[in-house]
Protein backbone atom coordinates (compact mmCIF):
# COMPACT_ATOMS: atom_id res chain seq x y z
CA UNK A 1 -16.61 -28.90 -23.99
CA UNK A 2 -16.55 -27.68 -20.41
CA UNK A 3 -15.45 -24.10 -19.84
CA UNK A 4 -11.81 -23.64 -18.92
CA UNK A 5 -11.08 -23.32 -15.22
CA UNK A 6 -10.95 -19.76 -13.89
CA UNK A 7 -7.58 -18.08 -13.99
CA UNK A 8 -5.77 -18.30 -10.67
CA UNK A 9 -3.30 -15.39 -10.46
CA UNK A 10 0.32 -16.36 -10.03
CA UNK A 11 2.37 -14.92 -7.16
CA UNK A 12 4.00 -12.33 -9.44
CA UNK A 13 0.54 -11.31 -10.71
CA UNK A 14 -0.77 -11.05 -7.14
CA UNK A 15 2.26 -8.99 -6.08
CA UNK A 16 1.84 -6.66 -9.07
CA UNK A 17 -1.87 -6.20 -8.30
CA UNK A 18 -1.21 -5.50 -4.62
CA UNK A 19 1.54 -3.03 -5.46
CA UNK A 20 -0.68 -1.29 -8.02
CA UNK A 21 -3.45 -1.02 -5.42
CA UNK A 22 -1.26 0.41 -2.65
CA UNK A 23 1.34 2.54 -4.46
CA UNK A 24 -1.04 5.45 -5.19
CA UNK A 25 -2.01 5.50 -1.51
CA UNK A 26 1.65 5.52 -0.42
CA UNK A 27 2.41 8.28 -2.92
CA UNK A 28 -0.50 10.39 -1.64
CA UNK A 29 0.80 10.07 1.93
CA UNK A 30 4.35 10.96 0.86
CA UNK A 31 3.01 14.09 -0.84
CA UNK A 32 0.84 14.90 2.17
CA UNK A 33 3.87 14.67 4.46
CA UNK A 34 5.84 17.09 2.28
CA UNK A 35 2.87 19.49 2.20
CA UNK A 36 2.38 19.32 5.97
CA UNK A 37 6.08 19.96 6.57
CA UNK A 38 6.20 22.80 4.04
CA UNK A 39 3.12 24.45 5.52
CA UNK A 40 4.70 24.51 8.96
CA UNK A 41 1.71 22.85 10.61
CA UNK A 42 3.98 21.30 13.20
CA UNK A 43 5.38 18.02 14.35
CA UNK A 44 2.01 16.70 15.53
CA UNK A 45 0.55 16.89 12.02
CA UNK A 46 3.67 15.28 10.51
CA UNK A 47 3.40 12.53 13.13
CA UNK A 48 -0.23 11.89 12.12
CA UNK A 49 0.78 11.43 8.47
CA UNK A 50 3.69 9.22 9.52
CA UNK A 51 1.38 7.07 11.66
CA UNK A 52 -1.06 6.69 8.77
CA UNK A 53 1.82 5.72 6.47
CA UNK A 54 3.12 3.13 8.97
CA UNK A 55 -0.39 1.66 9.35
CA UNK A 56 -0.78 1.41 5.58
CA UNK A 57 2.66 -0.17 5.27
CA UNK A 58 1.80 -2.74 7.95
CA UNK A 59 -1.42 -3.60 6.10
CA UNK A 60 0.48 -3.90 2.80
CA UNK A 61 3.17 -6.07 4.40
CA UNK A 62 0.58 -8.38 5.95
CA UNK A 63 -1.09 -8.88 2.57
CA UNK A 64 2.27 -9.34 0.86
CA UNK A 65 3.29 -11.95 3.43
CA UNK A 66 0.04 -13.83 2.81
CA UNK A 67 0.83 -13.91 -0.92
CA UNK A 68 4.39 -15.05 -0.34
CA UNK A 69 3.36 -17.78 2.09
CA UNK A 70 0.19 -18.76 0.26
């Protein structure tokens, strides 16, 4: 008998995998922002963390949109 076709992840499976991949990175940036604020390093350092978070969120949203529209 031929082998079964490879598993093609469903949208919910793809969403769960994407979320699992990105959530630790978002959490690390949230913690970094709190640390930077608590340390008193200044608004410039907070802005850098915020910019990194926004960039990561944009990347995540682009990938999520591709899943939703795929």
